[in-house]
């Protein structure tokens, strides 16, 4: 149906991740001009012939969020008008994911609005990572492949061989956290929290489960300002937790997140590179794992018409390979 090849393209949101994905696939990213004029209008020009090709456009909708979204939409339109065979929007981080329901009077469902815009722009399918809520998949009228970093994160902590570990999460991430806990062969504890209005910080009401004297691993889908993470850390310390680690798929790390993490009693915070981490935010307590091999393998399977879900049926060997590849990259960079 499509030309017997696929191409990786990217906007300005996370070009380094796109290059890593292309490197994993033994390829180079396609050439495109994407920039803003003085009047802030975005210009896109595809510099390669993409007629009937299978195009994978890597563009997380991260900071600056609205510009990243517009770049994504305009690039999709450019590929559509250049007669691309199929356009897959690879959106590792899906912004506005928290606005997935009407939880207050007279508010929008922005996650649905963004999904509609991507579809109308001309995307044929979506490849994404750990949506804030799984039901966001239903906002799209095109196929959605949602990957998860749970297996990679669990493998990282398995290799640490933490004794007496317990996994802690909130109710919103409980289903995926349960899978994470099973992979670590550790019990699961739940943090009950309450958010006041539209503030980025939540109040921890209760810790449900036994954490006293244990090493704790907090897991969530994203870390934004780290306000809630620090509150959970303090609540766990009061409950007698021993060493506290944290991990999340998306390291949004809005100010003052890095400062809060640096000053906290957290041993380590593990995130992935769905969102680029600026050099000034690299601190010793932060560990970044690359999801490029996972996305690269998914791209290969989508192009060939193979099962993406099968990636997670043999996750132990594949996640081990991903971590080794990430370590090799770090050594090469050094």
C-alpha atoms as a PDB file:
ATOM      1  CA  UNK A   1       0.000   0.000   0.000  1.00  0.00           C
ATOM      2  CA  UNK A   2       2.900   2.353   0.811  1.00  0.00           C
ATOM      3  CA  UNK A   3       6.368   2.649  -0.669  1.00  0.00           C
ATOM      4  CA  UNK A   4       8.588  -0.113   0.731  1.00  0.00           C
ATOM      5  CA  UNK A   5      10.344   2.240   3.127  1.00  0.00           C
ATOM      6  CA  UNK A   6       9.540   4.530   6.011  1.00  0.00           C
ATOM      7  CA  UNK A   7      10.996   7.868   7.012  1.00  0.00           C
ATOM      8  CA  UNK A   8      11.444   9.569  10.404  1.00  0.00           C
ATOM      9  CA  UNK A   9      10.828  13.326  10.555  1.00  0.00           C
ATOM     10  CA  UNK A  10      10.660  15.721  13.489  1.00  0.00           C
ATOM     11  CA  UNK A  11       9.782  19.253  14.490  1.00  0.00           C
ATOM     12  CA  UNK A  12      11.591  21.358  17.071  1.00  0.00           C
ATOM     13  CA  UNK A  13      10.043  19.823  20.215  1.00  0.00           C
ATOM     14  CA  UNK A  14      12.524  16.959  20.709  1.00  0.00           C
ATOM     15  CA  UNK A  15      14.914  16.536  17.756  1.00  0.00           C
ATOM     16  CA  UNK A  16      17.418  14.585  19.870  1.00  0.00           C
ATOM     17  CA  UNK A  17      14.861  11.834  20.541  1.00  0.00           C
ATOM     18  CA  UNK A  18      14.040  11.646  16.813  1.00  0.00           C
ATOM     19  CA  UNK A  19      17.735  11.254  16.005  1.00  0.00           C
ATOM     20  CA  UNK A  20      18.069   8.471  18.608  1.00  0.00           C
ATOM     21  CA  UNK A  21      15.045   6.657  17.145  1.00  0.00           C
ATOM     22  CA  UNK A  22      16.492   6.942  13.642  1.00  0.00           C
ATOM     23  CA  UNK A  23      19.869   5.727  14.962  1.00  0.00           C
ATOM     24  CA  UNK A  24      18.215   2.688  16.559  1.00  0.00           C
ATOM     25  CA  UNK A  25      16.595   1.922  13.191  1.00  0.00           C
ATOM     26  CA  UNK A  26      19.901   2.391  11.351  1.00  0.00           C
ATOM     27  CA  UNK A  27      18.622   5.446   9.530  1.00  0.00           C
ATOM     28  CA  UNK A  28      18.872   9.230   9.471  1.00  0.00           C
ATOM     29  CA  UNK A  29      15.947  11.637  10.053  1.00  0.00           C
ATOM     30  CA  UNK A  30      14.392  13.134   6.935  1.00  0.00           C
ATOM     31  CA  UNK A  31      15.073  16.743   6.007  1.00  0.00           C
ATOM     32  CA  UNK A  32      12.560  19.502   6.722  1.00  0.00           C
ATOM     33  CA  UNK A  33      12.569  23.224   7.449  1.00  0.00           C
ATOM     34  CA  UNK A  34      10.500  24.175  10.479  1.00  0.00           C
ATOM     35  CA  UNK A  35      10.832  27.711  11.843  1.00  0.00           C
ATOM     36  CA  UNK A  36       8.861  30.784  12.872  1.00  0.00           C
ATOM     37  CA  UNK A  37       8.790  34.094  11.033  1.00  0.00           C
ATOM     38  CA  UNK A  38       9.189  37.375  12.929  1.00  0.00           C
ATOM     39  CA  UNK A  39       5.393  37.524  13.230  1.00  0.00           C
ATOM     40  CA  UNK A  40       5.433  34.091  14.999  1.00  0.00           C
ATOM     41  CA  UNK A  41       3.779  32.332  12.033  1.00  0.00           C
ATOM     42  CA  UNK A  42       5.239  28.834  11.616  1.00  0.00           C
ATOM     43  CA  UNK A  43       6.682  27.810   8.255  1.00  0.00           C
ATOM     44  CA  UNK A  44       7.207  24.185   7.218  1.00  0.00           C
ATOM     45  CA  UNK A  45       8.852  22.816   4.080  1.00  0.00           C
ATOM     46  CA  UNK A  46       9.603  19.142   3.476  1.00  0.00           C
ATOM     47  CA  UNK A  47      12.924  18.862   1.656  1.00  0.00           C
ATOM     48  CA  UNK A  48      12.549  15.241   0.486  1.00  0.00           C
ATOM     49  CA  UNK A  49      10.214  13.430  -1.869  1.00  0.00           C
ATOM     50  CA  UNK A  50       7.697  11.658   0.407  1.00  0.00           C
ATOM     51  CA  UNK A  51       5.156  10.558  -2.210  1.00  0.00           C
ATOM     52  CA  UNK A  52       3.466   7.319  -1.069  1.00  0.00           C
ATOM     53  CA  UNK A  53       5.996   6.849   1.755  1.00  0.00           C
ATOM     54  CA  UNK A  54       5.189   5.719   5.286  1.00  0.00           C
ATOM     55  CA  UNK A  55       5.944   8.814   7.380  1.00  0.00           C
ATOM     56  CA  UNK A  56       6.539   8.843  11.155  1.00  0.00           C
ATOM     57  CA  UNK A  57       6.539  12.369  12.564  1.00  0.00           C
ATOM     58  CA  UNK A  58       8.160  12.600  16.028  1.00  0.00           C
ATOM     59  CA  UNK A  59       6.820  15.607  17.913  1.00  0.00           C
ATOM     60  CA  UNK A  60       5.944  15.525  21.627  1.00  0.00           C
ATOM     61  CA  UNK A  61       3.652  18.396  22.569  1.00  0.00           C
ATOM     62  CA  UNK A  62       6.019  19.662  25.256  1.00  0.00           C
ATOM     63  CA  UNK A  63       7.234  23.148  26.170  1.00  0.00           C
ATOM     64  CA  UNK A  64       6.509  25.488  24.426  1.00  0.00           C
ATOM     65  CA  UNK A  65       3.307  23.444  24.339  1.00  0.00           C
ATOM     66  CA  UNK A  66       1.133  25.476  21.988  1.00  0.00           C
ATOM     67  CA  UNK A  67       3.946  26.046  19.502  1.00  0.00           C
ATOM     68  CA  UNK A  68       4.751  22.326  19.527  1.00  0.00           C
ATOM     69  CA  UNK A  69       1.113  21.496  18.812  1.00  0.00           C
ATOM     70  CA  UNK A  70       0.950  23.965  15.917  1.00  0.00           C
ATOM     71  CA  UNK A  71       4.225  22.635  14.456  1.00  0.00           C
ATOM     72  CA  UNK A  72       2.764  19.124  14.628  1.00  0.00           C
ATOM     73  CA  UNK A  73      -0.472  20.137  12.887  1.00  0.00           C
ATOM     74  CA  UNK A  74       1.259  22.157  10.169  1.00  0.00           C
ATOM     75  CA  UNK A  75       3.791  19.395   9.482  1.00  0.00           C
ATOM     76  CA  UNK A  76       1.005  16.819   9.183  1.00  0.00           C
ATOM     77  CA  UNK A  77      -0.733  19.093   6.681  1.00  0.00           C
ATOM     78  CA  UNK A  78       2.524  19.534   4.727  1.00  0.00           C
ATOM     79  CA  UNK A  79       3.027  15.767   4.457  1.00  0.00           C
ATOM     80  CA  UNK A  80      -0.596  15.257   3.484  1.00  0.00           C
ATOM     81  CA  UNK A  81      -0.278  17.805   0.665  1.00  0.00           C
ATOM     82  CA  UNK A  82       3.035  16.214  -0.383  1.00  0.00           C
ATOM     83  CA  UNK A  83       1.111  12.952  -1.037  1.00  0.00           C
ATOM     84  CA  UNK A  84       2.625  10.898   1.773  1.00  0.00           C
ATOM     85  CA  UNK A  85       1.200   7.366   1.793  1.00  0.00           C
ATOM     86  CA  UNK A  86       0.497   7.259   5.522  1.00  0.00           C
ATOM     87  CA  UNK A  87       1.239   9.738   8.307  1.00  0.00           C
ATOM     88  CA  UNK A  88       1.777   8.484  11.864  1.00  0.00           C
ATOM     89  CA  UNK A  89       2.006  11.212  14.498  1.00  0.00           C
ATOM     90  CA  UNK A  90       4.530   9.976  17.081  1.00  0.00           C
ATOM     91  CA  UNK A  91       3.582  12.002  20.167  1.00  0.00           C
ATOM     92  CA  UNK A  92       5.606  10.592  23.094  1.00  0.00           C
ATOM     93  CA  UNK A  93       4.155  13.208  25.460  1.00  0.00           C
ATOM     94  CA  UNK A  94       0.517  14.217  24.943  1.00  0.00           C
ATOM     95  CA  UNK A  95      -0.138  17.691  26.402  1.00  0.00           C
ATOM     96  CA  UNK A  96      -3.516  18.710  27.848  1.00  0.00           C
ATOM     97  CA  UNK A  97      -3.970  15.081  28.934  1.00  0.00           C
ATOM     98  CA  UNK A  98      -5.210  16.219  32.349  1.00  0.00           C
ATOM     99  CA  UNK A  99      -8.107  18.099  30.690  1.00  0.00           C
ATOM    100  CA  UNK A 100      -9.862  14.846  29.805  1.00  0.00           C
ATOM    101  CA  UNK A 101     -13.256  15.460  31.446  1.00  0.00           C
ATOM    102  CA  UNK A 102     -15.623  18.145  32.705  1.00  0.00           C
ATOM    103  CA  UNK A 103     -14.790  18.133  36.396  1.00  0.00           C
ATOM    104  CA  UNK A 104     -15.911  21.747  36.894  1.00  0.00           C
ATOM    105  CA  UNK A 105     -18.771  23.782  35.429  1.00  0.00           C
ATOM    106  CA  UNK A 106     -18.173  25.425  32.041  1.00  0.00           C
ATOM    107  CA  UNK A 107     -14.711  23.983  31.307  1.00  0.00           C
ATOM    108  CA  UNK A 108     -13.493  22.442  28.026  1.00  0.00           C
ATOM    109  CA  UNK A 109     -12.294  18.907  27.356  1.00  0.00           C
ATOM    110  CA  UNK A 110      -9.044  20.058  25.779  1.00  0.00           C
ATOM    111  CA  UNK A 111      -7.577  16.568  25.395  1.00  0.00           C
ATOM    112  CA  UNK A 112     -10.456  15.798  23.004  1.00  0.00           C
ATOM    113  CA  UNK A 113      -9.981  19.103  21.165  1.00  0.00           C
ATOM    114  CA  UNK A 114      -6.274  18.357  20.531  1.00  0.00           C
ATOM    115  CA  UNK A 115      -7.192  14.851  19.336  1.00  0.00           C
ATOM    116  CA  UNK A 116      -9.725  16.319  16.883  1.00  0.00           C
ATOM    117  CA  UNK A 117      -7.155  18.799  15.543  1.00  0.00           C
ATOM    118  CA  UNK A 118      -4.566  16.074  14.935  1.00  0.00           C
ATOM    119  CA  UNK A 119      -7.149  13.945  13.147  1.00  0.00           C
ATOM    120  CA  UNK A 120      -8.500  16.781  11.009  1.00  0.00           C
ATOM    121  CA  UNK A 121      -4.951  17.859  10.084  1.00  0.00           C
ATOM    122  CA  UNK A 122      -4.570  14.501   8.340  1.00  0.00           C
ATOM    123  CA  UNK A 123      -2.815  12.036  10.660  1.00  0.00           C
ATOM    124  CA  UNK A 124      -3.654   8.404   9.888  1.00  0.00           C
ATOM    125  CA  UNK A 125      -2.633   6.977  13.256  1.00  0.00           C
ATOM    126  CA  UNK A 126      -1.088   7.967  16.613  1.00  0.00           C
ATOM    127  CA  UNK A 127       1.820   6.443  18.486  1.00  0.00           C
ATOM    128  CA  UNK A 128       2.144   7.726  22.047  1.00  0.00           C
ATOM    129  CA  UNK A 129       3.471   6.900  25.534  1.00  0.00           C
ATOM    130  CA  UNK A 130       1.643   6.564  28.866  1.00  0.00           C
ATOM    131  CA  UNK A 131      -1.346   8.857  28.399  1.00  0.00           C
ATOM    132  CA  UNK A 132      -2.594  10.540  31.571  1.00  0.00           C
ATOM    133  CA  UNK A 133      -5.704   8.374  31.303  1.00  0.00           C
ATOM    134  CA  UNK A 134      -6.218   5.453  28.934  1.00  0.00           C
ATOM    135  CA  UNK A 135      -9.644   6.659  27.818  1.00  0.00           C
ATOM    136  CA  UNK A 136      -7.964   9.487  25.871  1.00  0.00           C
ATOM    137  CA  UNK A 137      -7.411   6.828  23.196  1.00  0.00           C
ATOM    138  CA  UNK A 138     -11.165   6.978  22.599  1.00  0.00           C
ATOM    139  CA  UNK A 139     -10.967  10.682  21.727  1.00  0.00           C
ATOM    140  CA  UNK A 140      -9.373   9.729  18.408  1.00  0.00           C
ATOM    141  CA  UNK A 141     -11.251   8.317  15.428  1.00  0.00           C
ATOM    142  CA  UNK A 142      -8.005   6.884  14.052  1.00  0.00           C
ATOM    143  CA  UNK A 143      -5.885   3.969  15.400  1.00  0.00           C
ATOM    144  CA  UNK A 144      -3.912   4.716  18.573  1.00  0.00           C
ATOM    145  CA  UNK A 145      -0.925   2.699  19.797  1.00  0.00           C
ATOM    146  CA  UNK A 146      -0.120   3.553  23.413  1.00  0.00           C
ATOM    147  CA  UNK A 147       3.253   2.334  24.636  1.00  0.00           C
ATOM    148  CA  UNK A 148       4.282   2.238  28.278  1.00  0.00           C
ATOM    149  CA  UNK A 149       7.594   2.810  30.050  1.00  0.00           C
ATOM    150  CA  UNK A 150       6.534   0.625  32.999  1.00  0.00           C
ATOM    151  CA  UNK A 151       8.596  -2.373  31.853  1.00  0.00           C
ATOM    152  CA  UNK A 152      11.729  -0.295  31.262  1.00  0.00           C
ATOM    153  CA  UNK A 153      11.419   1.477  34.623  1.00  0.00           C
ATOM    154  CA  UNK A 154      10.779  -1.803  36.445  1.00  0.00           C
ATOM    155  CA  UNK A 155      13.844  -3.404  34.831  1.00  0.00           C
ATOM    156  CA  UNK A 156      15.971  -0.457  36.001  1.00  0.00           C
ATOM    157  CA  UNK A 157      14.887  -0.971  39.614  1.00  0.00           C
ATOM    158  CA  UNK A 158      15.146  -4.766  39.398  1.00  0.00           C
ATOM    159  CA  UNK A 159      18.812  -4.300  38.544  1.00  0.00           C
ATOM    160  CA  UNK A 160      19.240  -2.196  41.700  1.00  0.00           C
ATOM    161  CA  UNK A 161      18.168  -5.237  43.763  1.00  0.00           C
ATOM    162  CA  UNK A 162      16.402  -3.152  46.404  1.00  0.00           C
ATOM    163  CA  UNK A 163      15.460  -5.241  49.442  1.00  0.00           C
ATOM    164  CA  UNK A 164      12.044  -4.858  51.134  1.00  0.00           C
ATOM    165  CA  UNK A 165      10.755  -2.655  48.296  1.00  0.00           C
ATOM    166  CA  UNK A 166       7.197  -1.351  48.107  1.00  0.00           C
ATOM    167  CA  UNK A 167       5.619   0.502  45.192  1.00  0.00           C
ATOM    168  CA  UNK A 168       3.595   3.640  45.951  1.00  0.00           C
ATOM    169  CA  UNK A 169       1.222   5.469  43.607  1.00  0.00           C
ATOM    170  CA  UNK A 170      -2.050   7.383  43.598  1.00  0.00           C
ATOM    171  CA  UNK A 171      -5.434   6.061  42.482  1.00  0.00           C
ATOM    172  CA  UNK A 172      -5.141   7.534  38.975  1.00  0.00           C
ATOM    173  CA  UNK A 173      -2.074   5.443  38.109  1.00  0.00           C
ATOM    174  CA  UNK A 174      -3.014   2.383  40.181  1.00  0.00           C
ATOM    175  CA  UNK A 175      -3.619  -0.034  37.283  1.00  0.00           C
ATOM    176  CA  UNK A 176      -0.230   0.512  35.637  1.00  0.00           C
ATOM    177  CA  UNK A 177       1.468   0.729  39.046  1.00  0.00           C
ATOM    178  CA  UNK A 178       0.070  -2.712  39.881  1.00  0.00           C
ATOM    179  CA  UNK A 179       1.777  -4.114  36.776  1.00  0.00           C
ATOM    180  CA  UNK A 180       4.984  -2.315  37.831  1.00  0.00           C
ATOM    181  CA  UNK A 181       4.749  -3.823  41.327  1.00  0.00           C
ATOM    182  CA  UNK A 182       4.155  -7.330  39.936  1.00  0.00           C
ATOM    183  CA  UNK A 183       7.261  -7.037  37.752  1.00  0.00           C
ATOM    184  CA  UNK A 184       9.278  -6.081  40.859  1.00  0.00           C
ATOM    185  CA  UNK A 185       7.511  -8.752  42.954  1.00  0.00           C
ATOM    186  CA  UNK A 186       6.746  -6.008  45.470  1.00  0.00           C
ATOM    187  CA  UNK A 187       3.557  -4.990  47.319  1.00  0.00           C
ATOM    188  CA  UNK A 188       1.573  -1.920  46.268  1.00  0.00           C
ATOM    189  CA  UNK A 189       0.599   0.980  48.557  1.00  0.00           C
ATOM    190  CA  UNK A 190      -1.793   3.764  47.592  1.00  0.00           C
ATOM    191  CA  UNK A 191      -1.549   7.459  48.421  1.00  0.00           C
ATOM    192  CA  UNK A 192      -4.880   9.185  48.902  1.00  0.00           C
ATOM    193  CA  UNK A 193      -4.590  12.820  47.875  1.00  0.00           C
ATOM    194  CA  UNK A 194      -6.851  15.813  47.372  1.00  0.00           C
ATOM    195  CA  UNK A 195      -6.280  18.626  44.898  1.00  0.00           C
ATOM    196  CA  UNK A 196      -7.468  22.121  45.831  1.00  0.00           C
ATOM    197  CA  UNK A 197      -8.992  23.959  42.865  1.00  0.00           C
ATOM    198  CA  UNK A 198      -6.660  24.223  39.876  1.00  0.00           C
ATOM    199  CA  UNK A 199      -3.414  24.335  41.838  1.00  0.00           C
ATOM    200  CA  UNK A 200      -0.443  22.229  40.692  1.00  0.00           C
ATOM    201  CA  UNK A 201      -0.053  20.863  44.217  1.00  0.00           C
ATOM    202  CA  UNK A 202      -2.138  18.218  45.975  1.00  0.00           C
ATOM    203  CA  UNK A 203      -2.608  17.517  49.676  1.00  0.00           C
ATOM    204  CA  UNK A 204      -1.758  13.985  50.792  1.00  0.00           C
ATOM    205  CA  UNK A 205      -4.513  12.745  53.095  1.00  0.00           C
ATOM    206  CA  UNK A 206      -3.504   9.162  53.801  1.00  0.00           C
ATOM    207  CA  UNK A 207      -1.055   6.388  52.900  1.00  0.00           C
ATOM    208  CA  UNK A 208      -2.886   3.076  52.460  1.00  0.00           C
ATOM    209  CA  UNK A 209      -0.469   0.180  52.875  1.00  0.00           C
ATOM    210  CA  UNK A 210       2.606  -0.848  54.868  1.00  0.00           C
ATOM    211  CA  UNK A 211       5.691   1.302  54.161  1.00  0.00           C
ATOM    212  CA  UNK A 212       7.421   1.444  57.555  1.00  0.00           C
ATOM    213  CA  UNK A 213      11.048   0.312  57.362  1.00  0.00           C
ATOM    214  CA  UNK A 214      10.771  -0.356  53.620  1.00  0.00           C
ATOM    215  CA  UNK A 215      12.443   1.082  50.553  1.00  0.00           C
ATOM    216  CA  UNK A 216       9.778   2.938  48.580  1.00  0.00           C
ATOM    217  CA  UNK A 217       9.471   3.475  44.813  1.00  0.00           C
ATOM    218  CA  UNK A 218       6.942   6.170  43.891  1.00  0.00           C
ATOM    219  CA  UNK A 219       5.612   5.830  40.329  1.00  0.00           C
ATOM    220  CA  UNK A 220       3.417   8.155  38.264  1.00  0.00           C
ATOM    221  CA  UNK A 221       2.893   9.111  34.629  1.00  0.00           C
ATOM    222  CA  UNK A 222       4.533  12.549  34.911  1.00  0.00           C
ATOM    223  CA  UNK A 223       6.375  14.903  37.252  1.00  0.00           C
ATOM    224  CA  UNK A 224       5.452  18.545  36.663  1.00  0.00           C
ATOM    225  CA  UNK A 225       6.356  21.020  39.433  1.00  0.00           C
ATOM    226  CA  UNK A 226       7.178  18.125  41.814  1.00  0.00           C
ATOM    227  CA  UNK A 227       4.961  19.736  44.476  1.00  0.00           C
ATOM    228  CA  UNK A 228       2.808  16.615  44.859  1.00  0.00           C
ATOM    229  CA  UNK A 229       5.877  14.351  44.714  1.00  0.00           C
ATOM    230  CA  UNK A 230       7.490  16.203  47.631  1.00  0.00           C
ATOM    231  CA  UNK A 231       4.250  16.046  49.636  1.00  0.00           C
ATOM    232  CA  UNK A 232       4.080  12.278  49.059  1.00  0.00           C
ATOM    233  CA  UNK A 233       7.745  11.954  50.067  1.00  0.00           C
ATOM    234  CA  UNK A 234       7.115  13.796  53.341  1.00  0.00           C
ATOM    235  CA  UNK A 235       4.033  11.666  54.082  1.00  0.00           C
ATOM    236  CA  UNK A 236       6.050   8.487  53.475  1.00  0.00           C
ATOM    237  CA  UNK A 237       8.846   9.724  55.736  1.00  0.00           C
ATOM    238  CA  UNK A 238       6.296  10.323  58.513  1.00  0.00           C
ATOM    239  CA  UNK A 239       5.000   6.795  57.920  1.00  0.00           C
ATOM    240  CA  UNK A 240       8.521   5.438  58.529  1.00  0.00           C
ATOM    241  CA  UNK A 241       9.706   4.726  54.975  1.00  0.00           C
ATOM    242  CA  UNK A 242      13.430   3.952  54.717  1.00  0.00           C
ATOM    243  CA  UNK A 243      14.829   5.063  51.336  1.00  0.00           C
ATOM    244  CA  UNK A 244      12.551   6.772  48.821  1.00  0.00           C
ATOM    245  CA  UNK A 245      12.939   6.638  45.041  1.00  0.00           C
ATOM    246  CA  UNK A 246      10.632   8.052  42.377  1.00  0.00           C
ATOM    247  CA  UNK A 247      10.064   7.362  38.701  1.00  0.00           C
ATOM    248  CA  UNK A 248       7.790   8.641  35.943  1.00  0.00           C
ATOM    249  CA  UNK A 249       7.505   8.401  32.182  1.00  0.00           C
ATOM    250  CA  UNK A 250       7.356  12.134  31.513  1.00  0.00           C
ATOM    251  CA  UNK A 251       9.737  14.573  33.178  1.00  0.00           C
ATOM    252  CA  UNK A 252       7.915  17.856  32.572  1.00  0.00           C
ATOM    253  CA  UNK A 253       9.908  19.417  35.446  1.00  0.00           C
ATOM    254  CA  UNK A 254       8.419  22.896  35.364  1.00  0.00           C
ATOM    255  CA  UNK A 255      10.042  25.391  37.723  1.00  0.00           C
ATOM    256  CA  UNK A 256      10.739  24.883  40.616  1.00  0.00           C
ATOM    257  CA  UNK A 257      10.691  21.072  40.211  1.00  0.00           C
ATOM    258  CA  UNK A 258      14.446  20.510  39.890  1.00  0.00           C
ATOM    259  CA  UNK A 259      15.193  22.699  42.916  1.00  0.00           C
ATOM    260  CA  UNK A 260      12.583  20.853  44.980  1.00  0.00           C
ATOM    261  CA  UNK A 261      13.982  17.450  43.987  1.00  0.00           C
ATOM    262  CA  UNK A 262      17.542  18.582  44.692  1.00  0.00           C
ATOM    263  CA  UNK A 263      16.646  19.726  48.219  1.00  0.00           C
ATOM    264  CA  UNK A 264      14.443  16.724  49.023  1.00  0.00           C
ATOM    265  CA  UNK A 265      15.373  13.432  50.710  1.00  0.00           C
ATOM    266  CA  UNK A 266      14.654  11.479  47.522  1.00  0.00           C
ATOM    267  CA  UNK A 267      17.491   9.079  46.700  1.00  0.00           C
ATOM    268  CA  UNK A 268      16.925   9.177  42.938  1.00  0.00           C
ATOM    269  CA  UNK A 269      14.297  10.251  40.389  1.00  0.00           C
ATOM    270  CA  UNK A 270      14.129   8.234  37.154  1.00  0.00           C
ATOM    271  CA  UNK A 271      12.418   9.643  34.050  1.00  0.00           C
ATOM    272  CA  UNK A 272      12.524   9.011  30.303  1.00  0.00           C
ATOM    273  CA  UNK A 273      13.419  11.325  27.437  1.00  0.00           C
ATOM    274  CA  UNK A 274       9.895  11.792  26.041  1.00  0.00           C
ATOM    275  CA  UNK A 275      10.502  15.459  26.924  1.00  0.00           C
ATOM    276  CA  UNK A 276      13.970  16.994  26.422  1.00  0.00           C
ATOM    277  CA  UNK A 277      15.799  17.915  29.624  1.00  0.00           C
ATOM    278  CA  UNK A 278      17.741  21.189  29.334  1.00  0.00           C
ATOM    279  CA  UNK A 279      21.403  21.030  30.481  1.00  0.00           C
ATOM    280  CA  UNK A 280      20.781  23.288  33.491  1.00  0.00           C
ATOM    281  CA  UNK A 281      18.214  20.787  34.821  1.00  0.00           C
ATOM    282  CA  UNK A 282      20.629  17.850  34.845  1.00  0.00           C
ATOM    283  CA  UNK A 283      21.302  17.150  38.512  1.00  0.00           C
ATOM    284  CA  UNK A 284      22.873  14.077  40.178  1.00  0.00           C
ATOM    285  CA  UNK A 285      19.521  12.881  41.547  1.00  0.00           C
ATOM    286  CA  UNK A 286      17.968  12.681  38.060  1.00  0.00           C
ATOM    287  CA  UNK A 287      18.433   9.613  35.855  1.00  0.00           C
ATOM    288  CA  UNK A 288      17.108   9.764  32.277  1.00  0.00           C
ATOM    289  CA  UNK A 289      16.377   6.572  30.336  1.00  0.00           C
ATOM    290  CA  UNK A 290      15.882   6.713  26.571  1.00  0.00           C
ATOM    291  CA  UNK A 291      12.653   5.363  25.111  1.00  0.00           C
ATOM    292  CA  UNK A 292      14.098   5.574  21.576  1.00  0.00           C
ATOM    293  CA  UNK A 293      14.534   1.764  21.214  1.00  0.00           C
ATOM    294  CA  UNK A 294      10.923   1.156  22.322  1.00  0.00           C
ATOM    295  CA  UNK A 295       9.472   3.713  19.931  1.00  0.00           C
ATOM    296  CA  UNK A 296      11.851   2.580  17.177  1.00  0.00           C
ATOM    297  CA  UNK A 297      10.760  -1.030  17.529  1.00  0.00           C
ATOM    298  CA  UNK A 298       7.088   0.036  17.539  1.00  0.00           C
ATOM    299  CA  UNK A 299       7.649   2.063  14.343  1.00  0.00           C
ATOM    300  CA  UNK A 300       9.242  -0.956  12.684  1.00  0.00           C
ATOM    301  CA  UNK A 301       6.306  -3.174  13.664  1.00  0.00           C
ATOM    302  CA  UNK A 302       3.675  -0.641  12.559  1.00  0.00           C
ATOM    303  CA  UNK A 303       5.357  -0.327   9.176  1.00  0.00           C
ATOM    304  CA  UNK A 304       5.485  -4.101   8.726  1.00  0.00           C
ATOM    305  CA  UNK A 305       1.925  -4.627   9.957  1.00  0.00           C
ATOM    306  CA  UNK A 306       3.109  -6.625  12.985  1.00  0.00           C
ATOM    307  CA  UNK A 307       1.757  -6.635  16.523  1.00  0.00           C
ATOM    308  CA  UNK A 308       2.877  -3.741  18.729  1.00  0.00           C
ATOM    309  CA  UNK A 309       1.420  -5.400  21.818  1.00  0.00           C
ATOM    310  CA  UNK A 310       3.787  -8.342  21.299  1.00  0.00           C
ATOM    311  CA  UNK A 311       6.609  -5.996  22.345  1.00  0.00           C
ATOM    312  CA  UNK A 312       5.487  -6.433  25.949  1.00  0.00           C
ATOM    313  CA  UNK A 313       5.026 -10.200  25.883  1.00  0.00           C
ATOM    314  CA  UNK A 314       8.819 -10.668  25.905  1.00  0.00           C
ATOM    315  CA  UNK A 315       9.559  -7.483  27.806  1.00  0.00           C
ATOM    316  CA  UNK A 316      12.370  -8.844  29.994  1.00  0.00           C
ATOM    317  CA  UNK A 317      14.913  -9.423  27.235  1.00  0.00           C
ATOM    318  CA  UNK A 318      13.874  -6.365  25.237  1.00  0.00           C
ATOM    319  CA  UNK A 319      13.938  -3.928  28.176  1.00  0.00           C
ATOM    320  CA  UNK A 320      17.339  -5.300  29.155  1.00  0.00           C
ATOM    321  CA  UNK A 321      18.533  -4.600  25.609  1.00  0.00           C
ATOM    322  CA  UNK A 322      17.090  -1.063  25.809  1.00  0.00           C
ATOM    323  CA  UNK A 323      18.919  -0.290  29.053  1.00  0.00           C
ATOM    324  CA  UNK A 324      22.202  -1.615  27.658  1.00  0.00           C
ATOM    325  CA  UNK A 325      21.722   0.513  24.538  1.00  0.00           C
ATOM    326  CA  UNK A 326      21.075   3.578  26.702  1.00  0.00           C
ATOM    327  CA  UNK A 327      24.225   2.912  28.751  1.00  0.00           C
ATOM    328  CA  UNK A 328      26.239   2.490  25.546  1.00  0.00           C
ATOM    329  CA  UNK A 329      24.989   5.859  24.328  1.00  0.00           C
ATOM    330  CA  UNK A 330      26.015   7.492  27.612  1.00  0.00           C
ATOM    331  CA  UNK A 331      29.516   6.017  27.349  1.00  0.00           C
ATOM    332  CA  UNK A 332      29.796   7.145  23.711  1.00  0.00           C
ATOM    333  CA  UNK A 333      28.652  10.649  24.716  1.00  0.00           C
ATOM    334  CA  UNK A 334      31.256  10.802  27.444  1.00  0.00           C
END
